[in-house]
Amino acid sequence: MYKFFKMTALCAALAAAGAAGAATITLDGTSLSIEDAWKIAAGEADVAIAPEAVKLLEDSHKLVMASAAKGQAVYGLTVGVGLNKDQKLFTADGKLSPEVLEASRAFNYNALRSHSAGVGEMMPVDLARLSMVVRLNTLLAGKSGAQVRVAELYRDMLNKNVTPLIPSEGSVGEADILLASHVGAVMIGEWKADVKGKVMTGADALKAAGIKPLQPEGKDALAILSNNSVAMAYAIDAARNTERIVEMTPTVDGLSQTAADMRDVLKGSYLWNVDATRPLQDPLSYRVTVYGLSEARRAVKDLNDQIAVQINSTDDNPATILNADEAYRSESTQVANYFVEDNGVKGAIIPSGNFNPLPVALALQRTSIAMAHLSHYSVQRTVHLSYDQFTGLTRFLTDPSNKGHAFGAIQKSFMGLHVDNMALAQPVSLYGMPVAGEIEDTFTNLLQASKRLGSIDTNLYQIYSVEMLHAAQAVDLRRNLKNKDLKLADKTGAFYTAYRAKVPYVKADRIFTDDIRAGVDLLKNYRF
């Protein structure tokens, strides 16, 4: 249900942006910010292509076609991909005859079709669009050798709200070849696309938007399908939610109970006043959260830094290097064989490992571990709040008039979520078995790592919501039973008031499910 409302809201936003005339963000392949990527994905801005990027695309395409004309073996251009790299696609005789071009186009169509084999639910529209923004920008680095028309189609489909249905699973993190290929399938007028909330065939979607289908040739198909844009969309989304949770952590923790942040959040609180009944030291989950918070901040900063590099770098293999340094040519006869000079351009087409996004995968995993520590601290704090020997209040924070169970059973909910988080925090980048004739024997599992962090974020919102339910109840009971003049800090007090506007005091047992959801909604929208 959440996905439905999210997609509906996005479609409405896209329609409104189109009607109002959205701002324009120009992409050049090197300077895309995460913020601008989100604006385009959300329909808050149209996208344009920088003229200098167009020139790079034109020249790199000339270079790969010149290489094909010379009969040079180029992966995905004149020979097959994966284990089929030993299979010639066509034989060139020094010029690109109609027969050669037709053979190239047939290979491209077949590559897009055969690689469209994803599994799982379709990506949410906003993330599918985000993946297209990422790939368009990395394409503009001019290393793919694709036609300019490919970049124009990414631009036009984004601006005219044609969003291919992209499966959300089926990647080992060495380019999302079985997923991103669905974008190309729509570009050639096949498969299915969402157009402002309505699903139709790729052909009908392009026709409705006034977009002419792609006639792929050369390295077009490889440029469209061999990239990490799908996993990067999930990574960017997870990083944004992680930042939000890290931002809210001092306030949530403060309501239950970096050092500078905690002092700021608790400024003016009764906790700073001397109290002879207070224990000398609190449990570790209260005392060391600052370390977990500090490491989570450090991890998410590094994650965003790695994302910024990845979305402004090429994924392409082989990479088309215009005006490649001649010094490389002299290194070996093998390297010299990669160089091309013809058709008004010169450079080299060099095999690479650009499709390997290991730095992002490792940053995601580090962030997941840090967030799992915050999950642990929250769960432990909430458990302590339930016990009268710790709080000096009632057991399970029960109102004195309540003869029911209060918060006696609710611990299982957040403990179950935390167990999930502990499992989700386990690194996955080393998992896998060789495929494609044992050629593809290394993995990053970037998509899985991205989704795992995203799931930890989702669980943490709920865990924090349950902690808020307990903390607010404890505040009210302390006021009712011990100190009616109890003063909260300005920041925690404002947050408490906002929470109580959505979730009332628990006087008698009630169904708590909606209370937890209301807390999650507040956490996602409150200005900390």
Foldseek 3Di string as FASTA:
>chain_A
DVLVVVLLVLLVQLVVLLVVPAAEDEAQLADDALVVLLCLLSNNYAYHYDPVLLVLLVQLLVFLQQCVQVQFQAEQFQFDHFLRSVHGQDGHDNHCDPVNFVSQLVSLVVQLVVLQDFDAAWDRSSLQLSLLLLLLSNVSVSWQSWHSVLSVLSRLCSSQVWGFGFHQDDDQQLFQQNTLSSSLCLLQFAHWTAGSNDIDGSVVSCVVSVHDHDRTGGRHNVSRRGAHSSLLSLQSVLLVLLVLCLVCLLLLLLLLPCVVSVCQQFPPFPSVPDDPPADPDDDVLSVCVNVLSVQLVVLSVQLSVLSSVRSSHHLDFQTRAWPADCVQLPPDVVQVSQWDDDPPTTTGGHGDSSSHSQSNLVSLLSNLVSLLSSLVSLLVSLVLLQPCVRLVFDHHLAAPVEPDCRNVPVSVLSVVLSVLSVVLSDRDQQDDAQDSVSPRGGGGSSNSSSVSSVSSSVSVLLSSLSSLLSSLSSVVRCCVPPNVPGDGDPNSVVVSVVLCVQPPHPNYDDDCPVSSVSSSVCSVPPDD
